C-alpha cells in the first residue's frame, strides 16, 4: 500500500473535500469529507450514522458541541475510515443529531 496519496484541489472550490469510505457495524458508506484542519472535532451527520447502522440510543458518550451547533446533541461513535487505497483507520466522531 502507498504511504501517501494526492487529491486534486482547485482554488475555485469553496470548501476542500476528500472522498472517503466509512465502515461501521457491517455497513459501508462512501461520502465526501470536508477538510477542516482547524477543527477540534470530526462531525458525523445523523443520516450517515444511520446508514452505517449506528443506533443513537446505544451511543452513551455525550459530547458538547460549540458555535452554531451548541444546541445540537452529539454522541461519540467510532468509525473505520478509508481514504483511497491507504490502510483504513478507526476515527472517533461526534455523531450529531442533525444533518
PDB file of N, CA and C in Angstrom:
ATOM      1  N   UNK A   1       0.831  -1.180   0.000  1.00  0.00           N
ATOM      2  CA  UNK A   1       0.000   0.000   0.000  1.00  0.00           C
ATOM      3  C   UNK A   1       0.876   1.244   0.000  1.00  0.00           C
ATOM      4  N   UNK A   2       0.428   2.291  -0.686  1.00  0.00           N
ATOM      5  CA  UNK A   2       1.224   3.532  -0.709  1.00  0.00           C
ATOM      6  C   UNK A   2       1.174   4.221   0.650  1.00  0.00           C
ATOM      7  N   UNK A   3       2.210   4.992   0.951  1.00  0.00           N
ATOM      8  CA  UNK A   3       2.253   5.724   2.215  1.00  0.00           C
ATOM      9  C   UNK A   3       1.682   7.131   2.078  1.00  0.00           C
ATOM     10  N   UNK A   4       1.433   7.554   0.835  1.00  0.00           N
ATOM     11  CA  UNK A   4       0.823   8.867   0.621  1.00  0.00           C
ATOM     12  C   UNK A   4      -0.023   8.812  -0.643  1.00  0.00           C
ATOM     13  N   UNK A   5      -0.910   9.781  -0.749  1.00  0.00           N
ATOM     14  CA  UNK A   5      -1.800   9.848  -1.899  1.00  0.00           C
ATOM     15  C   UNK A   5      -2.129  11.321  -2.126  1.00  0.00           C
ATOM     16  N   UNK A   6      -2.254  11.724  -3.368  1.00  0.00           N
ATOM     17  CA  UNK A   6      -2.573  13.113  -3.684  1.00  0.00           C
ATOM     18  C   UNK A   6      -3.960  13.200  -4.284  1.00  0.00           C
ATOM     19  N   UNK A   7      -4.683  14.261  -3.927  1.00  0.00           N
ATOM     20  CA  UNK A   7      -6.004  14.526  -4.469  1.00  0.00           C
ATOM     21  C   UNK A   7      -5.994  15.914  -5.087  1.00  0.00           C
ATOM     22  N   UNK A   8      -6.684  16.092  -6.199  1.00  0.00           N
ATOM     23  CA  UNK A   8      -6.710  17.416  -6.826  1.00  0.00           C
ATOM     24  C   UNK A   8      -7.485  18.417  -5.972  1.00  0.00           C
ATOM     25  N   UNK A   9      -7.023  19.655  -5.992  1.00  0.00           N
ATOM     26  CA  UNK A   9      -7.718  20.740  -5.303  1.00  0.00           C
ATOM     27  C   UNK A   9      -7.631  21.979  -6.160  1.00  0.00           C
ATOM     28  N   UNK A  10      -8.731  22.666  -6.242  1.00  0.00           N
ATOM     29  CA  UNK A  10      -8.793  23.871  -7.047  1.00  0.00           C
ATOM     30  C   UNK A  10      -9.158  25.056  -6.165  1.00  0.00           C
ATOM     31  N   UNK A  11      -8.567  26.195  -6.445  1.00  0.00           N
ATOM     32  CA  UNK A  11      -8.929  27.412  -5.711  1.00  0.00           C
ATOM     33  C   UNK A  11     -10.370  27.811  -5.989  1.00  0.00           C
ATOM     34  N   UNK A  12     -10.971  27.255  -7.036  1.00  0.00           N
ATOM     35  CA  UNK A  12     -12.360  27.553  -7.369  1.00  0.00           C
ATOM     36  C   UNK A  12     -13.339  26.873  -6.410  1.00  0.00           C
ATOM     37  N   UNK A  13     -12.878  25.834  -5.710  1.00  0.00           N
ATOM     38  CA  UNK A  13     -13.741  25.115  -4.788  1.00  0.00           C
ATOM     39  C   UNK A  13     -13.939  25.944  -3.527  1.00  0.00           C
ATOM     40  N   UNK A  14     -15.207  26.072  -3.092  1.00  0.00           N
ATOM     41  CA  UNK A  14     -15.498  26.832  -1.887  1.00  0.00           C
ATOM     42  C   UNK A  14     -14.962  26.123  -0.645  1.00  0.00           C
ATOM     43  N   UNK A  15     -15.140  24.806  -0.597  1.00  0.00           N
ATOM     44  CA  UNK A  15     -14.695  24.023   0.546  1.00  0.00           C
ATOM     45  C   UNK A  15     -13.940  22.800   0.047  1.00  0.00           C
ATOM     46  N   UNK A  16     -12.738  22.555   0.541  1.00  0.00           N
ATOM     47  CA  UNK A  16     -11.997  21.369   0.092  1.00  0.00           C
ATOM     48  C   UNK A  16     -12.594  20.094   0.691  1.00  0.00           C
ATOM     49  N   UNK A  17     -12.807  19.095  -0.153  1.00  0.00           N
ATOM     50  CA  UNK A  17     -13.335  17.819   0.308  1.00  0.00           C
ATOM     51  C   UNK A  17     -12.452  16.688  -0.198  1.00  0.00           C
ATOM     52  N   UNK A  18     -12.621  15.525   0.404  1.00  0.00           N
ATOM     53  CA  UNK A  18     -11.860  14.347   0.016  1.00  0.00           C
ATOM     54  C   UNK A  18     -12.807  13.145   0.030  1.00  0.00           C
ATOM     55  N   UNK A  19     -12.748  12.289  -0.989  1.00  0.00           N
ATOM     56  CA  UNK A  19     -13.629  11.112  -0.993  1.00  0.00           C
ATOM     57  C   UNK A  19     -13.145  10.069   0.016  1.00  0.00           C
ATOM     58  N   UNK A  20     -14.075   9.574   0.837  1.00  0.00           N
ATOM     59  CA  UNK A  20     -13.747   8.564   1.841  1.00  0.00           C
ATOM     60  C   UNK A  20     -14.791   7.453   1.808  1.00  0.00           C
ATOM     61  N   UNK A  21     -14.426   6.327   2.390  1.00  0.00           N
ATOM     62  CA  UNK A  21     -15.369   5.245   2.625  1.00  0.00           C
ATOM     63  C   UNK A  21     -15.362   4.969   4.125  1.00  0.00           C
ATOM     64  N   UNK A  22     -16.548   5.011   4.741  1.00  0.00           N
ATOM     65  CA  UNK A  22     -16.693   4.777   6.174  1.00  0.00           C
ATOM     66  C   UNK A  22     -17.349   3.428   6.392  1.00  0.00           C
ATOM     67  N   UNK A  23     -16.905   2.715   7.437  1.00  0.00           N
ATOM     68  CA  UNK A  23     -17.479   1.414   7.770  1.00  0.00           C
ATOM     69  C   UNK A  23     -17.767   1.346   9.258  1.00  0.00           C
ATOM     70  N   UNK A  24     -18.908   0.721   9.585  1.00  0.00           N
ATOM     71  CA  UNK A  24     -19.308   0.553  10.986  1.00  0.00           C
ATOM     72  C   UNK A  24     -20.406  -0.503  11.027  1.00  0.00           C
ATOM     73  N   UNK A  25     -20.322  -1.406  11.973  1.00  0.00           N
ATOM     74  CA  UNK A  25     -21.372  -2.409  12.211  1.00  0.00           C
ATOM     75  C   UNK A  25     -21.742  -3.192  10.954  1.00  0.00           C
ATOM     76  N   UNK A  26     -20.761  -3.455  10.098  1.00  0.00           N
ATOM     77  CA  UNK A  26     -21.022  -4.240   8.899  1.00  0.00           C
ATOM     78  C   UNK A  26     -21.598  -3.456   7.736  1.00  0.00           C
ATOM     79  N   UNK A  27     -21.757  -2.152   7.901  1.00  0.00           N
ATOM     80  CA  UNK A  27     -22.273  -1.286   6.840  1.00  0.00           C
ATOM     81  C   UNK A  27     -21.156  -0.397   6.325  1.00  0.00           C
ATOM     82  N   UNK A  28     -21.298   0.071   5.093  1.00  0.00           N
ATOM     83  CA  UNK A  28     -20.288   0.920   4.476  1.00  0.00           C
ATOM     84  C   UNK A  28     -20.971   2.049   3.710  1.00  0.00           C
ATOM     85  N   UNK A  29     -20.401   3.245   3.794  1.00  0.00           N
ATOM     86  CA  UNK A  29     -20.942   4.427   3.117  1.00  0.00           C
ATOM     87  C   UNK A  29     -19.788   5.193   2.484  1.00  0.00           C
ATOM     88  N   UNK A  30     -19.956   5.580   1.237  1.00  0.00           N
ATOM     89  CA  UNK A  30     -18.992   6.461   0.572  1.00  0.00           C
ATOM     90  C   UNK A  30     -19.513   7.885   0.642  1.00  0.00           C
ATOM     91  N   UNK A  31     -18.616   8.815   0.938  1.00  0.00           N
ATOM     92  CA  UNK A  31     -19.019  10.219   1.075  1.00  0.00           C
ATOM     93  C   UNK A  31     -17.823  11.114   0.776  1.00  0.00           C
ATOM     94  N   UNK A  32     -18.089  12.390   0.659  1.00  0.00           N
ATOM     95  CA  UNK A  32     -17.030  13.392   0.555  1.00  0.00           C
ATOM     96  C   UNK A  32     -16.906  14.065   1.910  1.00  0.00           C
ATOM     97  N   UNK A  33     -15.717  14.003   2.477  1.00  0.00           N
ATOM     98  CA  UNK A  33     -15.466  14.596   3.788  1.00  0.00           C
ATOM     99  C   UNK A  33     -14.892  15.992   3.617  1.00  0.00           C
ATOM    100  N   UNK A  34     -15.377  16.918   4.418  1.00  0.00           N
ATOM    101  CA  UNK A  34     -14.860  18.278   4.433  1.00  0.00           C
ATOM    102  C   UNK A  34     -13.507  18.287   5.129  1.00  0.00           C
ATOM    103  N   UNK A  35     -12.516  18.878   4.500  1.00  0.00           N
ATOM    104  CA  UNK A  35     -11.195  19.008   5.113  1.00  0.00           C
ATOM    105  C   UNK A  35     -11.139  20.325   5.885  1.00  0.00           C
ATOM    106  N   UNK A  36     -11.136  20.238   7.197  1.00  0.00           N
ATOM    107  CA  UNK A  36     -11.083  21.408   8.051  1.00  0.00           C
ATOM    108  C   UNK A  36      -9.969  21.193   9.060  1.00  0.00           C
ATOM    109  N   UNK A  37      -8.765  21.625   8.709  1.00  0.00           N
ATOM    110  CA  UNK A  37      -7.607  21.376   9.557  1.00  0.00           C
ATOM    111  C   UNK A  37      -7.641  22.174  10.852  1.00  0.00           C
ATOM    112  N   UNK A  38      -8.536  23.138  10.970  1.00  0.00           N
ATOM    113  CA  UNK A  38      -8.637  23.925  12.191  1.00  0.00           C
ATOM    114  C   UNK A  38      -9.700  23.405  13.138  1.00  0.00           C
ATOM    115  N   UNK A  39     -10.370  22.342  12.781  1.00  0.00           N
ATOM    116  CA  UNK A  39     -11.446  21.800  13.600  1.00  0.00           C
ATOM    117  C   UNK A  39     -10.896  20.987  14.765  1.00  0.00           C
ATOM    118  N   UNK A  40     -11.566  21.086  15.903  1.00  0.00           N
ATOM    119  CA  UNK A  40     -11.164  20.324  17.081  1.00  0.00           C
ATOM    120  C   UNK A  40     -11.859  18.967  17.147  1.00  0.00           C
ATOM    121  N   UNK A  41     -12.905  18.773  16.354  1.00  0.00           N
ATOM    122  CA  UNK A  41     -13.679  17.535  16.396  1.00  0.00           C
ATOM    123  C   UNK A  41     -14.182  17.196  14.998  1.00  0.00           C
ATOM    124  N   UNK A  42     -14.296  15.900  14.720  1.00  0.00           N
ATOM    125  CA  UNK A  42     -14.859  15.455  13.443  1.00  0.00           C
ATOM    126  C   UNK A  42     -16.332  15.152  13.643  1.00  0.00           C
ATOM    127  N   UNK A  43     -17.171  15.724  12.797  1.00  0.00           N
ATOM    128  CA  UNK A  43     -18.617  15.552  12.916  1.00  0.00           C
ATOM    129  C   UNK A  43     -19.121  14.494  11.947  1.00  0.00           C
ATOM    130  N   UNK A  44     -20.098  13.722  12.399  1.00  0.00           N
ATOM    131  CA  UNK A  44     -20.758  12.726  11.573  1.00  0.00           C
ATOM    132  C   UNK A  44     -22.231  13.091  11.538  1.00  0.00           C
ATOM    133  N   UNK A  45     -22.765  13.461  10.359  1.00  0.00           N
ATOM    134  CA  UNK A  45     -24.185  13.800  10.273  1.00  0.00           C
ATOM    135  C   UNK A  45     -25.067  12.616  10.676  1.00  0.00           C
ATOM    136  N   UNK A  46     -26.208  12.926  11.249  1.00  0.00           N
ATOM    137  CA  UNK A  46     -27.120  11.911  11.770  1.00  0.00           C
ATOM    138  C   UNK A  46     -27.503  10.878  10.716  1.00  0.00           C
ATOM    139  N   UNK A  47     -27.876  11.327   9.519  1.00  0.00           N
ATOM    140  CA  UNK A  47     -28.333  10.394   8.497  1.00  0.00           C
ATOM    141  C   UNK A  47     -27.228   9.431   8.050  1.00  0.00           C
ATOM    142  N   UNK A  48     -25.987   9.882   8.024  1.00  0.00           N
ATOM    143  CA  UNK A  48     -24.890   8.980   7.644  1.00  0.00           C
ATOM    144  C   UNK A  48     -24.647   7.955   8.754  1.00  0.00           C
ATOM    145  N   UNK A  49     -24.758   8.373  10.001  1.00  0.00           N
ATOM    146  CA  UNK A  49     -24.638   7.435  11.108  1.00  0.00           C
ATOM    147  C   UNK A  49     -25.679   6.322  11.016  1.00  0.00           C
ATOM    148  N   UNK A  50     -26.907   6.695  10.665  1.00  0.00           N
ATOM    149  CA  UNK A  50     -27.961   5.689  10.498  1.00  0.00           C
ATOM    150  C   UNK A  50     -27.638   4.743   9.352  1.00  0.00           C
ATOM    151  N   UNK A  51     -27.121   5.292   8.244  1.00  0.00           N
ATOM    152  CA  UNK A  51     -26.737   4.450   7.103  1.00  0.00           C
ATOM    153  C   UNK A  51     -25.624   3.478   7.487  1.00  0.00           C
ATOM    154  N   UNK A  52     -24.806   3.846   8.461  1.00  0.00           N
ATOM    155  CA  UNK A  52     -23.713   2.991   8.924  1.00  0.00           C
ATOM    156  C   UNK A  52     -24.186   1.972   9.967  1.00  0.00           C
ATOM    157  N   UNK A  53     -25.478   1.968  10.260  1.00  0.00           N
ATOM    158  CA  UNK A  53     -26.019   1.001  11.206  1.00  0.00           C
ATOM    159  C   UNK A  53     -25.862   1.387  12.667  1.00  0.00           C
ATOM    160  N   UNK A  54     -25.439   2.605  12.936  1.00  0.00           N
ATOM    161  CA  UNK A  54     -25.301   3.062  14.323  1.00  0.00           C
ATOM    162  C   UNK A  54     -26.693   3.275  14.920  1.00  0.00           C
ATOM    163  N   UNK A  55     -26.809   2.986  16.205  1.00  0.00           N
ATOM    164  CA  UNK A  55     -28.072   3.158  16.924  1.00  0.00           C
ATOM    165  C   UNK A  55     -27.866   4.242  17.974  1.00  0.00           C
ATOM    166  N   UNK A  56     -28.604   5.330  17.825  1.00  0.00           N
ATOM    167  CA  UNK A  56     -28.433   6.513  18.666  1.00  0.00           C
ATOM    168  C   UNK A  56     -28.450   6.163  20.154  1.00  0.00           C
ATOM    169  N   UNK A  57     -29.418   5.374  20.577  1.00  0.00           N
ATOM    170  CA  UNK A  57     -29.588   5.056  21.995  1.00  0.00           C
ATOM    171  C   UNK A  57     -28.427   4.222  22.558  1.00  0.00           C
ATOM    172  N   UNK A  58     -27.684   3.545  21.716  1.00  0.00           N
ATOM    173  CA  UNK A  58     -26.559   2.728  22.184  1.00  0.00           C
ATOM    174  C   UNK A  58     -25.267   3.526  22.354  1.00  0.00           C
ATOM    175  N   UNK A  59     -25.229   4.736  21.870  1.00  0.00           N
ATOM    176  CA  UNK A  59     -24.039   5.589  21.999  1.00  0.00           C
ATOM    177  C   UNK A  59     -24.179   6.376  23.296  1.00  0.00           C
ATOM    178  N   UNK A  60     -23.428   5.999  24.310  1.00  0.00           N
ATOM    179  CA  UNK A  60     -23.629   6.569  25.646  1.00  0.00           C
ATOM    180  C   UNK A  60     -22.726   7.749  25.971  1.00  0.00           C
ATOM    181  N   UNK A  61     -21.696   7.986  25.157  1.00  0.00           N
ATOM    182  CA  UNK A  61     -20.783   9.108  25.415  1.00  0.00           C
ATOM    183  C   UNK A  61     -21.363  10.360  24.769  1.00  0.00           C
ATOM    184  N   UNK A  62     -21.765  11.317  25.590  1.00  0.00           N
ATOM    185  CA  UNK A  62     -22.330  12.570  25.088  1.00  0.00           C
ATOM    186  C   UNK A  62     -21.213  13.592  24.940  1.00  0.00           C
ATOM    187  N   UNK A  63     -21.237  14.298  23.806  1.00  0.00           N
ATOM    188  CA  UNK A  63     -20.185  15.272  23.514  1.00  0.00           C
ATOM    189  C   UNK A  63     -20.792  16.653  23.331  1.00  0.00           C
ATOM    190  N   UNK A  64     -20.288  17.662  24.051  1.00  0.00           N
ATOM    191  CA  UNK A  64     -20.798  19.022  23.851  1.00  0.00           C
ATOM    192  C   UNK A  64     -20.191  19.629  22.580  1.00  0.00           C
ATOM    193  N   UNK A  65     -21.027  20.270  21.802  1.00  0.00           N
ATOM    194  CA  UNK A  65     -20.560  20.987  20.615  1.00  0.00           C
ATOM    195  C   UNK A  65     -20.597  22.477  20.910  1.00  0.00           C
ATOM    196  N   UNK A  66     -19.927  23.261  20.088  1.00  0.00           N
ATOM    197  CA  UNK A  66     -19.857  24.706  20.303  1.00  0.00           C
ATOM    198  C   UNK A  66     -20.303  25.435  19.039  1.00  0.00           C
ATOM    199  N   UNK A  67     -20.347  26.740  19.131  1.00  0.00           N
ATOM    200  CA  UNK A  67     -20.686  27.562  17.971  1.00  0.00           C
ATOM    201  C   UNK A  67     -22.102  27.341  17.499  1.00  0.00           C
ATOM    202  N   UNK A  68     -22.286  27.259  16.178  1.00  0.00           N
ATOM    203  CA  UNK A  68     -23.621  27.089  15.593  1.00  0.00           C
ATOM    204  C   UNK A  68     -24.287  25.788  16.011  1.00  0.00           C
ATOM    205  N   UNK A  69     -23.508  24.820  16.462  1.00  0.00           N
ATOM    206  CA  UNK A  69     -24.060  23.514  16.825  1.00  0.00           C
ATOM    207  C   UNK A  69     -24.189  23.325  18.340  1.00  0.00           C
ATOM    208  N   UNK A  70     -24.067  24.398  19.107  1.00  0.00           N
ATOM    209  CA  UNK A  70     -24.093  24.292  20.565  1.00  0.00           C
ATOM    210  C   UNK A  70     -25.393  23.700  21.092  1.00  0.00           C
ATOM    211  N   UNK A  71     -26.485  23.858  20.379  1.00  0.00           N
ATOM    212  CA  UNK A  71     -27.780  23.329  20.837  1.00  0.00           C
ATOM    213  C   UNK A  71     -28.075  21.931  20.295  1.00  0.00           C
ATOM    214  N   UNK A  72     -27.185  21.400  19.473  1.00  0.00           N
ATOM    215  CA  UNK A  72     -27.383  20.087  18.865  1.00  0.00           C
ATOM    216  C   UNK A  72     -26.743  19.016  19.734  1.00  0.00           C
ATOM    217  N   UNK A  73     -27.491  17.967  20.046  1.00  0.00           N
ATOM    218  CA  UNK A  73     -26.942  16.867  20.832  1.00  0.00           C
ATOM    219  C   UNK A  73     -26.009  16.035  19.963  1.00  0.00           C
ATOM    220  N   UNK A  74     -24.904  15.592  20.555  1.00  0.00           N
ATOM    221  CA  UNK A  74     -23.944  14.751  19.835  1.00  0.00           C
ATOM    222  C   UNK A  74     -23.465  13.643  20.758  1.00  0.00           C
ATOM    223  N   UNK A  75     -23.182  12.500  20.147  1.00  0.00           N
ATOM    224  CA  UNK A  75     -22.683  11.348  20.897  1.00  0.00           C
ATOM    225  C   UNK A  75     -21.471  10.779  20.181  1.00  0.00           C
ATOM    226  N   UNK A  76     -20.546  10.225  20.937  1.00  0.00           N
ATOM    227  CA  UNK A  76     -19.321   9.680  20.365  1.00  0.00           C
ATOM    228  C   UNK A  76     -19.554   8.337  19.699  1.00  0.00           C
ATOM    229  N   UNK A  77     -18.938   8.153  18.542  1.00  0.00           N
ATOM    230  CA  UNK A  77     -19.011   6.876  17.831  1.00  0.00           C
ATOM    231  C   UNK A  77     -17.701   6.664  17.075  1.00  0.00           C
ATOM    232  N   UNK A  78     -17.223   5.430  17.060  1.00  0.00           N
ATOM    233  CA  UNK A  78     -16.024   5.076  16.306  1.00  0.00           C
ATOM    234  C   UNK A  78     -16.410   4.532  14.945  1.00  0.00           C
ATOM    235  N   UNK A  79     -15.707   4.989  13.910  1.00  0.00           N
ATOM    236  CA  UNK A  79     -15.979   4.577  12.537  1.00  0.00           C
ATOM    237  C   UNK A  79     -14.635   4.287  11.863  1.00  0.00           C
ATOM    238  N   UNK A  80     -14.582   3.217  11.090  1.00  0.00           N
ATOM    239  CA  UNK A  80     -13.393   2.921  10.290  1.00  0.00           C
ATOM    240  C   UNK A  80     -13.478   3.732   9.007  1.00  0.00           C
ATOM    241  N   UNK A  81     -12.397   4.443   8.677  1.00  0.00           N
ATOM    242  CA  UNK A  81     -12.377   5.328   7.516  1.00  0.00           C
ATOM    243  C   UNK A  81     -11.235   4.932   6.592  1.00  0.00           C
ATOM    244  N   UNK A  82     -11.548   4.854   5.307  1.00  0.00           N
ATOM    245  CA  UNK A  82     -10.516   4.564   4.310  1.00  0.00           C
ATOM    246  C   UNK A  82     -10.495   5.694   3.293  1.00  0.00           C
ATOM    247  N   UNK A  83      -9.286   6.170   3.007  1.00  0.00           N
ATOM    248  CA  UNK A  83      -9.077   7.212   2.007  1.00  0.00           C
ATOM    249  C   UNK A  83      -8.277   6.588   0.874  1.00  0.00           C
ATOM    250  N   UNK A  84      -8.867   6.572  -0.310  1.00  0.00           N
ATOM    251  CA  UNK A  84      -8.181   5.964  -1.448  1.00  0.00           C
ATOM    252  C   UNK A  84      -7.832   4.521  -1.148  1.00  0.00           C
ATOM    253  N   UNK A  85      -6.601   4.134  -1.462  1.00  0.00           N
ATOM    254  CA  UNK A  85      -6.182   2.764  -1.179  1.00  0.00           C
ATOM    255  C   UNK A  85      -5.208   2.706   0.002  1.00  0.00           C
ATOM    256  N   UNK A  86      -5.261   3.736   0.874  1.00  0.00           N
ATOM    257  CA  UNK A  86      -4.474   3.719   2.100  1.00  0.00           C
ATOM    258  C   UNK A  86      -5.103   2.748   3.104  1.00  0.00           C
ATOM    259  N   UNK A  87      -4.335   2.346   4.074  1.00  0.00           N
ATOM    260  CA  UNK A  87      -4.827   1.459   5.119  1.00  0.00           C
ATOM    261  C   UNK A  87      -5.951   2.152   5.902  1.00  0.00           C
ATOM    262  N   UNK A  88      -7.074   1.465   6.164  1.00  0.00           N
ATOM    263  CA  UNK A  88      -8.162   2.083   6.945  1.00  0.00           C
ATOM    264  C   UNK A  88      -7.708   2.424   8.364  1.00  0.00           C
ATOM    265  N   UNK A  89      -8.299   3.471   8.929  1.00  0.00           N
ATOM    266  CA  UNK A  89      -8.023   3.868  10.310  1.00  0.00           C
ATOM    267  C   UNK A  89      -9.345   4.030  11.049  1.00  0.00           C
ATOM    268  N   UNK A  90      -9.311   3.794  12.341  1.00  0.00           N
ATOM    269  CA  UNK A  90     -10.500   3.985  13.181  1.00  0.00           C
ATOM    270  C   UNK A  90     -10.448   5.397  13.738  1.00  0.00           C
ATOM    271  N   UNK A  91     -11.524   6.158  13.514  1.00  0.00           N
ATOM    272  CA  UNK A  91     -11.591   7.536  13.971  1.00  0.00           C
ATOM    273  C   UNK A  91     -12.796   7.728  14.893  1.00  0.00           C
ATOM    274  N   UNK A  92     -12.657   8.631  15.838  1.00  0.00           N
ATOM    275  CA  UNK A  92     -13.760   8.998  16.714  1.00  0.00           C
ATOM    276  C   UNK A  92     -14.496  10.181  16.111  1.00  0.00           C
ATOM    277  N   UNK A  93     -15.815  10.104  16.091  1.00  0.00           N
ATOM    278  CA  UNK A  93     -16.638  11.186  15.556  1.00  0.00           C
ATOM    279  C   UNK A  93     -17.639  11.640  16.611  1.00  0.00           C
ATOM    280  N   UNK A  94     -18.020  12.914  16.531  1.00  0.00           N
ATOM    281  CA  UNK A  94     -19.162  13.421  17.262  1.00  0.00           C
ATOM    282  C   UNK A  94     -20.351  13.240  16.327  1.00  0.00           C
ATOM    283  N   UNK A  95     -21.168  12.228  16.618  1.00  0.00           N
ATOM    284  CA  UNK A  95     -22.345  11.943  15.785  1.00  0.00           C
ATOM    285  C   UNK A  95     -23.440  12.896  16.208  1.00  0.00           C
ATOM    286  N   UNK A  96     -23.701  13.878  15.362  1.00  0.00           N
ATOM    287  CA  UNK A  96     -24.643  14.928  15.716  1.00  0.00           C
ATOM    288  C   UNK A  96     -26.058  14.558  15.316  1.00  0.00           C
ATOM    289  N   UNK A  97     -27.015  14.962  16.119  1.00  0.00           N
ATOM    290  CA  UNK A  97     -28.403  14.669  15.828  1.00  0.00           C
ATOM    291  C   UNK A  97     -28.974  15.739  14.883  1.00  0.00           C
ATOM    292  N   UNK A  98     -28.257  15.947  13.792  1.00  0.00           N
ATOM    293  CA  UNK A  98     -28.636  16.907  12.741  1.00  0.00           C
ATOM    294  C   UNK A  98     -27.919  16.511  11.465  1.00  0.00           C
ATOM    295  N   UNK A  99     -28.454  16.945  10.336  1.00  0.00           N
ATOM    296  CA  UNK A  99     -27.805  16.653   9.068  1.00  0.00           C
ATOM    297  C   UNK A  99     -27.119  17.884   8.528  1.00  0.00           C
TER     298      UNK A  99
END
